[in-house]
């Protein structure tokens, strides 16, 4: 079964206001089997528009990734993020097929 992923690109406008959102996320993600694959770090954006932060979170499957996003815990936490940052988030199913 293919894993599920969140891919997030974020621009934070208020660092202090954003901290509670970031601090609450690990416990929420863990509840749904999520783990950080990418959390910040150096990056280059050779095409398109970049945001200052990039995050990839891996879940056991697509259903778990969706359930985490839709959970009451994360929906409450979104309100903190939205007041202090702009984000693009997609939830996507991983690829389990043949590789080159």
PDB file of N, CA and C in Angstrom:
ATOM      1  N   UNK A   1       0.846  -1.183   0.000  1.00  0.00           N
ATOM      2  CA  UNK A   1       0.000   0.000   0.000  1.00  0.00           C
ATOM      3  C   UNK A   1       0.892   1.247   0.000  1.00  0.00           C
ATOM      4  N   UNK A   2       0.538   2.188  -0.841  1.00  0.00           N
ATOM      5  CA  UNK A   2       1.317   3.419  -0.947  1.00  0.00           C
ATOM      6  C   UNK A   2       1.141   4.290   0.292  1.00  0.00           C
ATOM      7  N   UNK A   3       2.203   4.956   0.664  1.00  0.00           N
ATOM      8  CA  UNK A   3       2.159   5.889   1.794  1.00  0.00           C
ATOM      9  C   UNK A   3       1.435   7.164   1.369  1.00  0.00           C
ATOM     10  N   UNK A   4       1.066   7.971   2.356  1.00  0.00           N
ATOM     11  CA  UNK A   4       0.472   9.276   2.096  1.00  0.00           C
ATOM     12  C   UNK A   4       1.424  10.359   2.561  1.00  0.00           C
ATOM     13  N   UNK A   5       1.351  11.510   1.934  1.00  0.00           N
ATOM     14  CA  UNK A   5       2.270  12.602   2.253  1.00  0.00           C
ATOM     15  C   UNK A   5       1.538  13.931   2.323  1.00  0.00           C
ATOM     16  N   UNK A   6       2.007  14.772   3.209  1.00  0.00           N
ATOM     17  CA  UNK A   6       1.679  16.197   3.174  1.00  0.00           C
ATOM     18  C   UNK A   6       2.913  16.881   2.607  1.00  0.00           C
ATOM     19  N   UNK A   7       2.693  17.767   1.673  1.00  0.00           N
ATOM     20  CA  UNK A   7       3.760  18.621   1.170  1.00  0.00           C
ATOM     21  C   UNK A   7       3.308  20.051   1.461  1.00  0.00           C
ATOM     22  N   UNK A   8       4.071  20.738   2.274  1.00  0.00           N
ATOM     23  CA  UNK A   8       3.691  22.091   2.697  1.00  0.00           C
ATOM     24  C   UNK A   8       4.810  23.076   2.384  1.00  0.00           C
ATOM     25  N   UNK A   9       4.395  24.234   1.912  1.00  0.00           N
ATOM     26  CA  UNK A   9       5.303  25.359   1.692  1.00  0.00           C
ATOM     27  C   UNK A   9       4.728  26.526   2.467  1.00  0.00           C
ATOM     28  N   UNK A  10       5.541  27.154   3.302  1.00  0.00           N
ATOM     29  CA  UNK A  10       5.019  28.124   4.279  1.00  0.00           C
ATOM     30  C   UNK A  10       5.878  29.392   4.308  1.00  0.00           C
ATOM     31  N   UNK A  11       5.199  30.524   4.409  1.00  0.00           N
ATOM     32  CA  UNK A  11       5.837  31.806   4.714  1.00  0.00           C
ATOM     33  C   UNK A  11       5.260  32.286   6.039  1.00  0.00           C
ATOM     34  N   UNK A  12       6.107  32.403   7.047  1.00  0.00           N
ATOM     35  CA  UNK A  12       5.677  32.831   8.379  1.00  0.00           C
ATOM     36  C   UNK A  12       5.804  34.352   8.472  1.00  0.00           C
ATOM     37  N   UNK A  13       4.733  34.997   8.924  1.00  0.00           N
ATOM     38  CA  UNK A  13       4.754  36.453   9.074  1.00  0.00           C
ATOM     39  C   UNK A  13       4.983  36.876  10.522  1.00  0.00           C
ATOM     40  N   UNK A  14       4.699  35.969  11.485  1.00  0.00           N
ATOM     41  CA  UNK A  14       4.867  36.281  12.901  1.00  0.00           C
ATOM     42  C   UNK A  14       5.479  35.053  13.587  1.00  0.00           C
ATOM     43  N   UNK A  15       6.787  35.072  13.756  1.00  0.00           N
ATOM     44  CA  UNK A  15       7.499  33.929  14.335  1.00  0.00           C
ATOM     45  C   UNK A  15       6.979  33.541  15.714  1.00  0.00           C
ATOM     46  N   UNK A  16       6.797  34.514  16.586  1.00  0.00           N
ATOM     47  CA  UNK A  16       6.335  34.213  17.946  1.00  0.00           C
ATOM     48  C   UNK A  16       4.928  33.623  17.943  1.00  0.00           C
ATOM     49  N   UNK A  17       4.062  34.147  17.106  1.00  0.00           N
ATOM     50  CA  UNK A  17       2.705  33.631  17.023  1.00  0.00           C
ATOM     51  C   UNK A  17       2.629  32.247  16.402  1.00  0.00           C
ATOM     52  N   UNK A  18       3.594  31.912  15.555  1.00  0.00           N
ATOM     53  CA  UNK A  18       3.630  30.631  14.854  1.00  0.00           C
ATOM     54  C   UNK A  18       4.150  29.499  15.739  1.00  0.00           C
ATOM     55  N   UNK A  19       4.954  29.832  16.741  1.00  0.00           N
ATOM     56  CA  UNK A  19       5.587  28.805  17.585  1.00  0.00           C
ATOM     57  C   UNK A  19       4.606  27.827  18.222  1.00  0.00           C
ATOM     58  N   UNK A  20       3.461  28.261  18.755  1.00  0.00           N
ATOM     59  CA  UNK A  20       2.532  27.283  19.338  1.00  0.00           C
ATOM     60  C   UNK A  20       1.992  26.284  18.303  1.00  0.00           C
ATOM     61  N   UNK A  21       1.789  26.744  17.088  1.00  0.00           N
ATOM     62  CA  UNK A  21       1.344  25.844  16.003  1.00  0.00           C
ATOM     63  C   UNK A  21       2.393  24.764  15.755  1.00  0.00           C
ATOM     64  N   UNK A  22       3.637  25.193  15.573  1.00  0.00           N
ATOM     65  CA  UNK A  22       4.721  24.243  15.314  1.00  0.00           C
ATOM     66  C   UNK A  22       4.930  23.294  16.488  1.00  0.00           C
ATOM     67  N   UNK A  23       4.775  23.784  17.697  1.00  0.00           N
ATOM     68  CA  UNK A  23       4.983  22.953  18.885  1.00  0.00           C
ATOM     69  C   UNK A  23       3.896  21.886  19.043  1.00  0.00           C
ATOM     70  N   UNK A  24       2.667  22.191  18.633  1.00  0.00           N
ATOM     71  CA  UNK A  24       1.557  21.244  18.780  1.00  0.00           C
ATOM     72  C   UNK A  24       1.547  20.167  17.696  1.00  0.00           C
ATOM     73  N   UNK A  25       2.133  20.449  16.550  1.00  0.00           N
ATOM     74  CA  UNK A  25       2.040  19.520  15.415  1.00  0.00           C
ATOM     75  C   UNK A  25       2.640  18.137  15.645  1.00  0.00           C
ATOM     76  N   UNK A  26       3.825  17.980  16.215  1.00  0.00           N
ATOM     77  CA  UNK A  26       4.396  16.627  16.340  1.00  0.00           C
ATOM     78  C   UNK A  26       3.472  15.629  17.039  1.00  0.00           C
ATOM     79  N   UNK A  27       2.797  16.025  18.088  1.00  0.00           N
ATOM     80  CA  UNK A  27       1.887  15.106  18.786  1.00  0.00           C
ATOM     81  C   UNK A  27       0.694  14.743  17.909  1.00  0.00           C
ATOM     82  N   UNK A  28       0.192  15.720  17.156  1.00  0.00           N
ATOM     83  CA  UNK A  28      -0.933  15.451  16.251  1.00  0.00           C
ATOM     84  C   UNK A  28      -0.498  14.479  15.163  1.00  0.00           C
ATOM     85  N   UNK A  29       0.644  14.746  14.547  1.00  0.00           N
ATOM     86  CA  UNK A  29       1.120  13.884  13.462  1.00  0.00           C
ATOM     87  C   UNK A  29       1.395  12.472  13.961  1.00  0.00           C
ATOM     88  N   UNK A  30       2.002  12.365  15.136  1.00  0.00           N
ATOM     89  CA  UNK A  30       2.332  11.052  15.699  1.00  0.00           C
ATOM     90  C   UNK A  30       1.075  10.206  15.896  1.00  0.00           C
ATOM     91  N   UNK A  31      -0.011  10.828  16.324  1.00  0.00           N
ATOM     92  CA  UNK A  31      -1.275  10.119  16.544  1.00  0.00           C
ATOM     93  C   UNK A  31      -1.742   9.398  15.271  1.00  0.00           C
ATOM     94  N   UNK A  32      -1.393   9.939  14.106  1.00  0.00           N
ATOM     95  CA  UNK A  32      -1.811   9.369  12.825  1.00  0.00           C
ATOM     96  C   UNK A  32      -0.661   8.651  12.108  1.00  0.00           C
ATOM     97  N   UNK A  33       0.421   8.408  12.830  1.00  0.00           N
ATOM     98  CA  UNK A  33       1.553   7.686  12.260  1.00  0.00           C
ATOM     99  C   UNK A  33       2.436   8.527  11.361  1.00  0.00           C
ATOM    100  N   UNK A  34       2.321   9.855  11.474  1.00  0.00           N
ATOM    101  CA  UNK A  34       3.109  10.750  10.628  1.00  0.00           C
ATOM    102  C   UNK A  34       4.520  10.937  11.138  1.00  0.00           C
ATOM    103  N   UNK A  35       5.427  11.185  10.205  1.00  0.00           N
ATOM    104  CA  UNK A  35       6.815  11.492  10.567  1.00  0.00           C
ATOM    105  C   UNK A  35       7.367  12.491   9.565  1.00  0.00           C
ATOM    106  N   UNK A  36       8.195  13.385  10.064  1.00  0.00           N
ATOM    107  CA  UNK A  36       8.815  14.378   9.193  1.00  0.00           C
ATOM    108  C   UNK A  36       9.853  13.712   8.296  1.00  0.00           C
ATOM    109  N   UNK A  37       9.768  13.985   7.013  1.00  0.00           N
ATOM    110  CA  UNK A  37      10.779  13.558   6.049  1.00  0.00           C
ATOM    111  C   UNK A  37      11.640  14.768   5.690  1.00  0.00           C
ATOM    112  N   UNK A  38      10.989  15.913   5.550  1.00  0.00           N
ATOM    113  CA  UNK A  38      11.663  17.190   5.308  1.00  0.00           C
ATOM    114  C   UNK A  38      11.056  18.186   6.278  1.00  0.00           C
ATOM    115  N   UNK A  39      11.918  18.913   6.972  1.00  0.00           N
ATOM    116  CA  UNK A  39      11.442  19.956   7.887  1.00  0.00           C
ATOM    117  C   UNK A  39      12.466  21.078   7.866  1.00  0.00           C
ATOM    118  N   UNK A  40      12.266  21.999   6.939  1.00  0.00           N
ATOM    119  CA  UNK A  40      13.218  23.087   6.783  1.00  0.00           C
ATOM    120  C   UNK A  40      14.420  22.610   5.995  1.00  0.00           C
ATOM    121  N   UNK A  41      15.554  23.158   6.298  1.00  0.00           N
ATOM    122  CA  UNK A  41      16.789  22.779   5.617  1.00  0.00           C
ATOM    123  C   UNK A  41      17.063  23.648   4.401  1.00  0.00           C
ATOM    124  N   UNK A  42      18.261  23.486   3.900  1.00  0.00           N
ATOM    125  CA  UNK A  42      18.673  24.250   2.722  1.00  0.00           C
ATOM    126  C   UNK A  42      17.839  23.810   1.528  1.00  0.00           C
ATOM    127  N   UNK A  43      17.527  24.771   0.654  1.00  0.00           N
ATOM    128  CA  UNK A  43      16.829  24.433  -0.572  1.00  0.00           C
ATOM    129  C   UNK A  43      17.144  25.455  -1.642  1.00  0.00           C
ATOM    130  N   UNK A  44      16.865  25.064  -2.845  1.00  0.00           N
ATOM    131  CA  UNK A  44      17.002  25.914  -4.007  1.00  0.00           C
ATOM    132  C   UNK A  44      15.724  25.758  -4.809  1.00  0.00           C
ATOM    133  N   UNK A  45      15.228  26.816  -5.365  1.00  0.00           N
ATOM    134  CA  UNK A  45      14.011  26.765  -6.171  1.00  0.00           C
ATOM    135  C   UNK A  45      14.349  27.179  -7.601  1.00  0.00           C
ATOM    136  N   UNK A  46      14.823  26.238  -8.430  1.00  0.00           N
ATOM    137  CA  UNK A  46      15.233  26.595  -9.770  1.00  0.00           C
ATOM    138  C   UNK A  46      14.068  26.983 -10.688  1.00  0.00           C
ATOM    139  N   UNK A  47      12.843  26.641 -10.315  1.00  0.00           N
ATOM    140  CA  UNK A  47      11.670  27.022 -11.099  1.00  0.00           C
ATOM    141  C   UNK A  47      10.507  27.317 -10.165  1.00  0.00           C
ATOM    142  N   UNK A  48       9.625  28.181 -10.587  1.00  0.00           N
ATOM    143  CA  UNK A  48       8.423  28.478  -9.820  1.00  0.00           C
ATOM    144  C   UNK A  48       8.678  29.437  -8.678  1.00  0.00           C
ATOM    145  N   UNK A  49       7.655  29.580  -7.855  1.00  0.00           N
ATOM    146  CA  UNK A  49       7.694  30.493  -6.720  1.00  0.00           C
ATOM    147  C   UNK A  49       7.947  29.697  -5.448  1.00  0.00           C
ATOM    148  N   UNK A  50       8.923  30.120  -4.686  1.00  0.00           N
ATOM    149  CA  UNK A  50       9.269  29.426  -3.444  1.00  0.00           C
ATOM    150  C   UNK A  50       8.635  30.124  -2.251  1.00  0.00           C
ATOM    151  N   UNK A  51       8.519  29.385  -1.178  1.00  0.00           N
ATOM    152  CA  UNK A  51       8.177  29.941   0.126  1.00  0.00           C
ATOM    153  C   UNK A  51       9.384  29.680   1.026  1.00  0.00           C
ATOM    154  N   UNK A  52       9.442  30.344   2.173  1.00  0.00           N
ATOM    155  CA  UNK A  52      10.644  30.277   3.007  1.00  0.00           C
ATOM    156  C   UNK A  52      10.821  28.950   3.746  1.00  0.00           C
ATOM    157  N   UNK A  53       9.737  28.187   3.956  1.00  0.00           N
ATOM    158  CA  UNK A  53       9.829  26.910   4.671  1.00  0.00           C
ATOM    159  C   UNK A  53       9.168  25.819   3.836  1.00  0.00           C
ATOM    160  N   UNK A  54       9.776  24.649   3.869  1.00  0.00           N
ATOM    161  CA  UNK A  54       9.251  23.490   3.153  1.00  0.00           C
ATOM    162  C   UNK A  54       9.209  22.304   4.108  1.00  0.00           C
ATOM    163  N   UNK A  55       8.100  21.562   4.072  1.00  0.00           N
ATOM    164  CA  UNK A  55       7.913  20.424   4.963  1.00  0.00           C
ATOM    165  C   UNK A  55       7.277  19.286   4.177  1.00  0.00           C
ATOM    166  N   UNK A  56       7.783  18.070   4.396  1.00  0.00           N
ATOM    167  CA  UNK A  56       7.149  16.860   3.868  1.00  0.00           C
ATOM    168  C   UNK A  56       6.943  15.930   5.050  1.00  0.00           C
ATOM    169  N   UNK A  57       5.700  15.478   5.227  1.00  0.00           N
ATOM    170  CA  UNK A  57       5.361  14.566   6.312  1.00  0.00           C
ATOM    171  C   UNK A  57       4.824  13.284   5.694  1.00  0.00           C
ATOM    172  N   UNK A  58       5.392  12.164   6.110  1.00  0.00           N
ATOM    173  CA  UNK A  58       4.996  10.859   5.588  1.00  0.00           C
ATOM    174  C   UNK A  58       4.034  10.180   6.556  1.00  0.00           C
ATOM    175  N   UNK A  59       2.961   9.595   6.032  1.00  0.00           N
ATOM    176  CA  UNK A  59       1.974   8.849   6.811  1.00  0.00           C
ATOM    177  C   UNK A  59       1.912   7.416   6.292  1.00  0.00           C
ATOM    178  N   UNK A  60       1.395   6.486   7.089  1.00  0.00           N
ATOM    179  CA  UNK A  60       1.339   5.090   6.664  1.00  0.00           C
ATOM    180  C   UNK A  60       0.590   4.890   5.339  1.00  0.00           C
ATOM    181  N   UNK A  61      -0.418   5.735   5.095  1.00  0.00           N
ATOM    182  CA  UNK A  61      -1.173   5.654   3.845  1.00  0.00           C
ATOM    183  C   UNK A  61      -1.913   6.975   3.624  1.00  0.00           C
ATOM    184  N   UNK A  62      -2.532   7.093   2.468  1.00  0.00           N
ATOM    185  CA  UNK A  62      -3.242   8.307   2.084  1.00  0.00           C
ATOM    186  C   UNK A  62      -4.394   8.603   3.040  1.00  0.00           C
ATOM    187  N   UNK A  63      -5.128   7.560   3.459  1.00  0.00           N
ATOM    188  CA  UNK A  63      -6.261   7.743   4.374  1.00  0.00           C
ATOM    189  C   UNK A  63      -5.806   8.352   5.700  1.00  0.00           C
ATOM    190  N   UNK A  64      -4.672   7.915   6.224  1.00  0.00           N
ATOM    191  CA  UNK A  64      -4.150   8.468   7.478  1.00  0.00           C
ATOM    192  C   UNK A  64      -3.743   9.930   7.301  1.00  0.00           C
ATOM    193  N   UNK A  65      -3.169  10.258   6.149  1.00  0.00           N
ATOM    194  CA  UNK A  65      -2.780  11.641   5.876  1.00  0.00           C
ATOM    195  C   UNK A  65      -4.009  12.547   5.856  1.00  0.00           C
ATOM    196  N   UNK A  66      -5.070  12.098   5.200  1.00  0.00           N
ATOM    197  CA  UNK A  66      -6.313  12.876   5.163  1.00  0.00           C
ATOM    198  C   UNK A  66      -6.945  12.967   6.549  1.00  0.00           C
ATOM    199  N   UNK A  67      -6.968  11.850   7.276  1.00  0.00           N
ATOM    200  CA  UNK A  67      -7.572  11.837   8.608  1.00  0.00           C
ATOM    201  C   UNK A  67      -6.858  12.801   9.544  1.00  0.00           C
ATOM    202  N   UNK A  68      -5.558  12.877   9.449  1.00  0.00           N
ATOM    203  CA  UNK A  68      -4.799  13.800  10.290  1.00  0.00           C
ATOM    204  C   UNK A  68      -5.205  15.241   9.987  1.00  0.00           C
ATOM    205  N   UNK A  69      -5.238  15.586   8.711  1.00  0.00           N
ATOM    206  CA  UNK A  69      -5.595  16.958   8.331  1.00  0.00           C
ATOM    207  C   UNK A  69      -7.005  17.309   8.802  1.00  0.00           C
ATOM    208  N   UNK A  70      -7.914  16.370   8.682  1.00  0.00           N
ATOM    209  CA  UNK A  70      -9.323  16.608   9.025  1.00  0.00           C
ATOM    210  C   UNK A  70      -9.633  16.452  10.512  1.00  0.00           C
ATOM    211  N   UNK A  71      -8.648  16.022  11.302  1.00  0.00           N
ATOM    212  CA  UNK A  71      -8.880  15.766  12.729  1.00  0.00           C
ATOM    213  C   UNK A  71      -9.220  17.054  13.466  1.00  0.00           C
ATOM    214  N   UNK A  72     -10.013  16.939  14.525  1.00  0.00           N
ATOM    215  CA  UNK A  72     -10.338  18.131  15.330  1.00  0.00           C
ATOM    216  C   UNK A  72      -9.087  18.823  15.872  1.00  0.00           C
ATOM    217  N   UNK A  73      -8.076  18.033  16.249  1.00  0.00           N
ATOM    218  CA  UNK A  73      -6.842  18.613  16.796  1.00  0.00           C
ATOM    219  C   UNK A  73      -6.144  19.502  15.768  1.00  0.00           C
ATOM    220  N   UNK A  74      -6.007  18.988  14.534  1.00  0.00           N
ATOM    221  CA  UNK A  74      -5.310  19.781  13.532  1.00  0.00           C
ATOM    222  C   UNK A  74      -6.170  20.949  13.062  1.00  0.00           C
ATOM    223  N   UNK A  75      -7.469  20.747  12.935  1.00  0.00           N
ATOM    224  CA  UNK A  75      -8.342  21.841  12.523  1.00  0.00           C
ATOM    225  C   UNK A  75      -8.290  22.998  13.516  1.00  0.00           C
ATOM    226  N   UNK A  76      -8.178  22.700  14.794  1.00  0.00           N
ATOM    227  CA  UNK A  76      -8.026  23.756  15.800  1.00  0.00           C
ATOM    228  C   UNK A  76      -6.672  24.441  15.648  1.00  0.00           C
ATOM    229  N   UNK A  77      -5.637  23.665  15.358  1.00  0.00           N
ATOM    230  CA  UNK A  77      -4.290  24.213  15.227  1.00  0.00           C
ATOM    231  C   UNK A  77      -4.142  25.075  13.975  1.00  0.00           C
ATOM    232  N   UNK A  78      -4.898  24.757  12.936  1.00  0.00           N
ATOM    233  CA  UNK A  78      -4.846  25.548  11.700  1.00  0.00           C
ATOM    234  C   UNK A  78      -5.122  27.025  11.994  1.00  0.00           C
ATOM    235  N   UNK A  79      -6.018  27.295  12.896  1.00  0.00           N
ATOM    236  CA  UNK A  79      -6.378  28.688  13.196  1.00  0.00           C
ATOM    237  C   UNK A  79      -5.173  29.486  13.682  1.00  0.00           C
ATOM    238  N   UNK A  80      -4.294  28.837  14.429  1.00  0.00           N
ATOM    239  CA  UNK A  80      -3.069  29.504  14.882  1.00  0.00           C
ATOM    240  C   UNK A  80      -2.167  29.791  13.688  1.00  0.00           C
ATOM    241  N   UNK A  81      -2.004  28.783  12.813  1.00  0.00           N
ATOM    242  CA  UNK A  81      -1.152  28.978  11.628  1.00  0.00           C
ATOM    243  C   UNK A  81      -1.688  30.093  10.748  1.00  0.00           C
ATOM    244  N   UNK A  82      -2.967  30.065  10.472  1.00  0.00           N
ATOM    245  CA  UNK A  82      -3.551  31.032   9.543  1.00  0.00           C
ATOM    246  C   UNK A  82      -3.404  32.475  10.025  1.00  0.00           C
ATOM    247  N   UNK A  83      -3.346  32.685  11.312  1.00  0.00           N
ATOM    248  CA  UNK A  83      -3.160  34.032  11.852  1.00  0.00           C
ATOM    249  C   UNK A  83      -1.716  34.507  11.766  1.00  0.00           C
ATOM    250  N   UNK A  84      -0.790  33.562  11.510  1.00  0.00           N
ATOM    251  CA  UNK A  84       0.635  33.905  11.584  1.00  0.00           C
ATOM    252  C   UNK A  84       1.463  33.490  10.384  1.00  0.00           C
ATOM    253  N   UNK A  85       0.814  32.889   9.373  1.00  0.00           N
ATOM    254  CA  UNK A  85       1.560  32.414   8.216  1.00  0.00           C
ATOM    255  C   UNK A  85       0.622  32.183   7.032  1.00  0.00           C
ATOM    256  N   UNK A  86       1.228  32.087   5.864  1.00  0.00           N
ATOM    257  CA  UNK A  86       0.523  31.700   4.642  1.00  0.00           C
ATOM    258  C   UNK A  86       1.118  30.373   4.213  1.00  0.00           C
ATOM    259  N   UNK A  87       0.258  29.408   3.860  1.00  0.00           N
ATOM    260  CA  UNK A  87       0.770  28.084   3.516  1.00  0.00           C
ATOM    261  C   UNK A  87       0.052  27.506   2.304  1.00  0.00           C
ATOM    262  N   UNK A  88       0.787  26.727   1.540  1.00  0.00           N
ATOM    263  CA  UNK A  88       0.237  25.868   0.499  1.00  0.00           C
ATOM    264  C   UNK A  88       0.459  24.446   0.991  1.00  0.00           C
ATOM    265  N   UNK A  89      -0.607  23.680   1.129  1.00  0.00           N
ATOM    266  CA  UNK A  89      -0.496  22.302   1.606  1.00  0.00           C
ATOM    267  C   UNK A  89      -1.232  21.397   0.634  1.00  0.00           C
ATOM    268  N   UNK A  90      -0.556  20.339   0.208  1.00  0.00           N
ATOM    269  CA  UNK A  90      -1.247  19.311  -0.562  1.00  0.00           C
ATOM    270  C   UNK A  90      -1.090  17.989   0.167  1.00  0.00           C
ATOM    271  N   UNK A  91      -2.077  17.141   0.010  1.00  0.00           N
ATOM    272  CA  UNK A  91      -2.034  15.785   0.561  1.00  0.00           C
ATOM    273  C   UNK A  91      -2.060  14.868  -0.648  1.00  0.00           C
ATOM    274  N   UNK A  92      -1.069  13.994  -0.712  1.00  0.00           N
ATOM    275  CA  UNK A  92      -0.885  13.214  -1.936  1.00  0.00           C
ATOM    276  C   UNK A  92      -0.533  11.767  -1.609  1.00  0.00           C
ATOM    277  N   UNK A  93      -0.984  10.877  -2.447  1.00  0.00           N
ATOM    278  CA  UNK A  93      -0.652   9.462  -2.305  1.00  0.00           C
ATOM    279  C   UNK A  93       0.726   9.211  -2.903  1.00  0.00           C
ATOM    280  N   UNK A  94       1.536   8.448  -2.210  1.00  0.00           N
ATOM    281  CA  UNK A  94       2.863   8.098  -2.701  1.00  0.00           C
ATOM    282  C   UNK A  94       2.782   7.139  -3.871  1.00  0.00           C
ATOM    283  N   UNK A  95       3.906   6.916  -4.490  1.00  0.00           N
ATOM    284  CA  UNK A  95       4.019   6.026  -5.646  1.00  0.00           C
ATOM    285  C   UNK A  95       4.640   4.722  -5.206  1.00  0.00           C
ATOM    286  N   UNK A  96       3.966   3.630  -5.489  1.00  0.00           N
ATOM    287  CA  UNK A  96       4.427   2.294  -5.084  1.00  0.00           C
ATOM    288  C   UNK A  96       4.766   1.429  -6.295  1.00  0.00           C
ATOM    289  N   UNK A  97       4.798   2.014  -7.466  1.00  0.00           N
ATOM    290  CA  UNK A  97       4.988   1.236  -8.690  1.00  0.00           C
ATOM    291  C   UNK A  97       6.448   0.972  -9.022  1.00  0.00           C
ATOM    292  N   UNK A  98       6.622   0.464 -10.206  1.00  0.00           N
ATOM    293  CA  UNK A  98       7.956   0.107 -10.703  1.00  0.00           C
ATOM    294  C   UNK A  98       8.820   1.359 -10.854  1.00  0.00           C
ATOM    295  N   UNK A  99      10.077   1.197 -10.539  1.00  0.00           N
ATOM    296  CA  UNK A  99      11.041   2.299 -10.653  1.00  0.00           C
ATOM    297  C   UNK A  99      11.945   2.043 -11.861  1.00  0.00           C
ATOM    298  N   UNK A 100      12.505   3.113 -12.379  1.00  0.00           N
ATOM    299  CA  UNK A 100      13.406   2.940 -13.542  1.00  0.00           C
ATOM    300  C   UNK A 100      14.652   2.139 -13.192  1.00  0.00           C
TER     301      UNK A 100
END
